[in-house]
Structure formats: C-alpha cells, structure tokens
Amino acid sequence: MPIKNRTFVRVSIILILTGILSQIVTIEEPIQAEPVVAQTEATSTLITPEPLPELVPVVPILAKIAWCESRNVQLNPDGSVLRGKINSQDVGKWQINESYHLAESKRLGLDLHTEEGNEEYAVHLFLTQGTRPWNWSKPCWGDEERVWTKKNGEYWSK
C-alpha cells in the first residue's frame, strides 16, 4: 500500500538526512504535494509546494513493529478500531496507547483510529522516542533470527 501522507514522507526524508535509517525501501508511485493557502488578515495566497521525490523511503523497523503489534491490521472486520488484547487502551495497527498518547495525537491533529493517523503518530513516536514505546513486542520485531517477507508493501513473518 503506497504511503500518501506528506508528513510521513517528510519525516522519512529527515531520517535519511540525519542518518537514522540504515535500510531504505522505496515505493514506486510518485506522490504529489497538495497546494496550501496561506492567509493573513488582508490577503490569502496560494502556495504550491515543490513536488515530492518519486522514491519515497519507508522506515522498515516501523513496518515490522506494525506486524508484531497487530499483524498489520488497523480495523476489526466490523469496522471498529482494533484494540489490544492485553490492554484495551492500545489502538490500531501500531497499538498506540490512548492513555499516554491520545491528548498529544489530538494536539497534532491526528486520529489514532484511522490508519493514516495511527501511522503518522507512530512515526512521531519513533522520531521522539525511538522504539521504546513498543518494547513489549521487541522479542518479535527485534528477533534477529526472524525471517521477514515483504508483501504488498508490508512486512510479514511466521
């Protein structure tokens, strides 16, 4: 599934520039930035950002964490958000805990109950805290012996 979110793309580019990523996976579909309207008291101006690069880097460890946390599932078959089996405050594909992160996600304008919002907040957590928020699932995603397969842009394991 191609990532269409500009924030995720920008964060990924920053990760590359700062040397955090050791491995890059690319997505072939180009992503176009949407124009933004800048408003002042007297006028509003249409600002068209530069087109984003065609090769969009993805953070592989986050993809592995998503598999370990939820098996890459954001929603239940009935359309409700996936909640943790052990802690029902953990929601979505990256099992982000609402007790700790709901207020901050709302401040950032992100909805943890949508796959896009859950993904963006996972990137935010990764940038600010590394993999620490997912330490409980580290035996899964941190296992160097685990064999990973990439299907449809997502990582899977047995």
Protein backbone atom coordinates (compact mmCIF):
# COMPACT_ATOMS: atom_id res chain seq x y z
CA MET A 1 0.00 0.00 0.00
CA PRO A 2 1.67 3.27 -1.07
CA ILE A 3 2.06 5.88 1.59
CA LYS A 4 0.31 9.06 0.51
CA ASN A 5 0.89 11.16 3.58
CA ARG A 6 3.19 14.15 3.12
CA THR A 7 4.16 14.28 6.80
CA PHE A 8 5.32 10.67 6.73
CA VAL A 9 7.34 11.38 3.57
CA ARG A 10 8.97 14.45 5.09
CA VAL A 11 9.79 12.60 8.31
CA SER A 12 11.30 9.74 6.32
CA ILE A 13 13.48 12.16 4.35
CA ILE A 14 14.61 13.79 7.60
CA LEU A 15 15.50 10.33 8.94
CA ILE A 16 17.66 9.67 5.90
CA LEU A 17 19.39 13.02 6.17
CA THR A 18 20.13 12.52 9.85
CA GLY A 19 21.45 9.01 9.29
CA ILE A 20 18.91 7.18 11.46
CA LEU A 21 17.86 4.82 8.68
CA SER A 22 20.26 2.04 7.81
CA GLN A 23 17.94 0.43 5.32
CA ILE A 24 15.67 2.02 2.72
CA VAL A 25 12.69 0.55 0.95
CA THR A 26 11.22 2.55 -1.91
CA ILE A 27 7.74 2.91 -3.26
CA GLU A 28 7.44 3.46 -6.98
CA GLU A 29 4.28 5.58 -7.04
CA PRO A 30 5.03 9.33 -7.14
CA ILE A 31 3.40 11.47 -4.50
CA GLN A 32 2.27 14.98 -5.29
CA ALA A 33 2.07 17.61 -2.58
CA GLU A 34 -1.21 19.50 -2.25
CA PRO A 35 -1.28 23.30 -2.52
CA VAL A 36 -1.67 25.22 0.72
CA VAL A 37 -3.49 28.51 1.19
CA ALA A 38 -1.56 30.94 3.40
CA GLN A 39 -3.83 33.55 4.95
CA THR A 40 -3.10 36.87 6.59
CA GLU A 41 -5.57 39.44 7.86
CA ALA A 42 -5.72 41.21 4.49
CA THR A 43 -4.96 38.57 1.85
CA SER A 44 -4.73 34.89 1.09
CA THR A 45 -2.09 33.42 -1.21
CA LEU A 46 -1.95 30.02 -2.88
CA ILE A 47 1.40 28.37 -2.15
CA THR A 48 2.27 25.36 -4.28
CA PRO A 49 4.98 23.22 -2.65
CA GLU A 50 7.73 21.55 -4.63
CA PRO A 51 6.79 18.09 -5.94
CA LEU A 52 7.95 15.32 -3.62
CA PRO A 53 10.55 12.84 -4.91
CA GLU A 54 9.30 9.76 -6.75
CA LEU A 55 11.16 7.37 -4.46
CA VAL A 56 9.66 7.54 -1.01
CA PRO A 57 11.67 5.97 1.82
CA VAL A 58 9.90 3.87 4.44
CA VAL A 59 11.11 3.04 7.94
CA PRO A 60 11.45 -0.79 7.91
CA ILE A 61 11.51 -1.19 11.70
CA LEU A 62 8.11 0.50 11.98
CA ALA A 63 6.69 -1.88 9.40
CA LYS A 64 7.98 -4.82 11.46
CA ILE A 65 6.58 -3.31 14.65
CA ALA A 66 3.16 -2.99 12.97
CA TRP A 67 3.18 -6.69 12.10
CA CYS A 68 4.24 -7.69 15.61
CA GLU A 69 1.71 -5.39 17.29
CA SER A 70 -1.37 -6.03 15.12
CA ARG A 71 -0.46 -8.28 12.18
CA ASN A 72 -0.82 -5.10 10.05
CA VAL A 73 -4.48 -4.64 10.99
CA GLN A 74 -5.99 -1.23 11.81
CA LEU A 75 -9.69 -2.18 11.94
CA ASN A 76 -11.70 -5.20 13.02
CA PRO A 77 -13.96 -6.89 10.43
CA ASP A 78 -16.93 -4.89 11.79
CA GLY A 79 -15.10 -1.60 11.08
CA SER A 80 -14.26 -0.76 14.70
CA VAL A 81 -10.67 0.11 15.57
CA LEU A 82 -8.50 -2.83 16.64
CA ARG A 83 -7.84 -2.74 20.38
CA GLY A 84 -5.16 -4.58 22.31
CA LYS A 85 -5.96 -7.99 23.78
CA ILE A 86 -3.98 -7.29 26.97
CA ASN A 87 -4.60 -3.52 27.18
CA SER A 88 -7.75 -2.20 25.50
CA GLN A 89 -6.23 1.31 25.51
CA ASP A 90 -3.80 0.17 22.77
CA VAL A 91 -5.36 1.00 19.40
CA GLY A 92 -4.78 0.41 15.71
CA LYS A 93 -2.04 -1.00 13.57
CA TRP A 94 0.78 0.25 15.82
CA GLN A 95 -1.21 -0.35 19.07
CA ILE A 96 -0.69 3.19 20.31
CA ASN A 97 -1.85 3.58 23.90
CA GLU A 98 -4.63 6.14 24.26
CA SER A 99 -3.91 6.71 27.96
CA TYR A 100 -0.46 8.06 27.14
CA HIS A 101 -0.87 9.43 23.62
CA LEU A 102 -4.48 10.44 22.86
CA ALA A 103 -4.14 14.07 24.00
CA GLU A 104 -0.88 14.59 22.11
CA SER A 105 -2.23 12.95 18.95
CA LYS A 106 -5.26 15.26 19.06
CA ARG A 107 -2.98 18.27 19.59
CA LEU A 108 -1.14 17.23 16.43
CA GLY A 109 -4.45 16.86 14.59
CA LEU A 110 -4.11 13.08 14.24
CA ASP A 111 -6.85 10.49 14.70
CA LEU A 112 -5.38 7.29 16.14
CA HIS A 113 -8.47 5.40 14.99
CA THR A 114 -7.62 5.92 11.29
CA GLU A 115 -4.75 4.07 9.66
CA GLU A 116 -3.24 7.33 8.41
CA GLY A 117 -3.40 8.99 11.85
CA ASN A 118 -2.11 5.87 13.61
CA GLU A 119 0.79 5.66 11.15
CA GLU A 120 1.68 9.34 11.43
CA TYR A 121 1.65 9.16 15.21
CA ALA A 122 3.81 6.00 15.10
CA VAL A 123 6.37 7.98 13.07
CA HIS A 124 6.12 10.84 15.58
CA LEU A 125 6.76 8.40 18.44
CA PHE A 126 9.67 6.83 16.58
CA LEU A 127 11.26 10.24 15.98
CA THR A 128 10.83 11.39 19.56
CA GLN A 129 11.30 8.12 21.50
CA GLY A 130 12.79 5.59 19.10
CA THR A 131 11.37 2.09 19.51
CA ARG A 132 10.86 2.41 23.30
CA PRO A 133 7.04 2.67 23.10
CA TRP A 134 6.98 -0.83 21.57
CA ASN A 135 9.42 -2.54 23.96
CA TRP A 136 6.76 -5.12 24.96
CA SER A 137 6.79 -6.50 21.41
CA LYS A 138 10.57 -6.29 20.96
CA PRO A 139 11.01 -10.08 21.28
CA CYS A 140 9.09 -10.23 17.98
CA TRP A 141 10.42 -7.28 15.90
CA GLY A 142 13.88 -7.29 17.49
CA ASP A 143 14.50 -11.01 16.91
CA GLU A 144 17.47 -11.17 14.53
CA GLU A 145 16.67 -14.80 13.70
CA ARG A 146 13.13 -13.98 12.49
CA VAL A 147 12.61 -14.26 8.74
CA TRP A 148 10.66 -11.37 7.19
CA THR A 149 8.79 -11.31 3.89
CA LYS A 150 7.58 -8.16 2.20
CA LYS A 151 4.09 -8.42 0.66
CA ASN A 152 2.12 -5.51 -0.79
CA GLY A 153 4.49 -3.01 0.82
CA GLU A 154 4.16 -4.51 4.31
CA TYR A 155 6.39 -6.84 6.30
CA TRP A 156 5.11 -10.26 7.36
CA SER A 157 6.63 -13.07 9.38
CA LYS A 158 5.68 -16.51 10.65
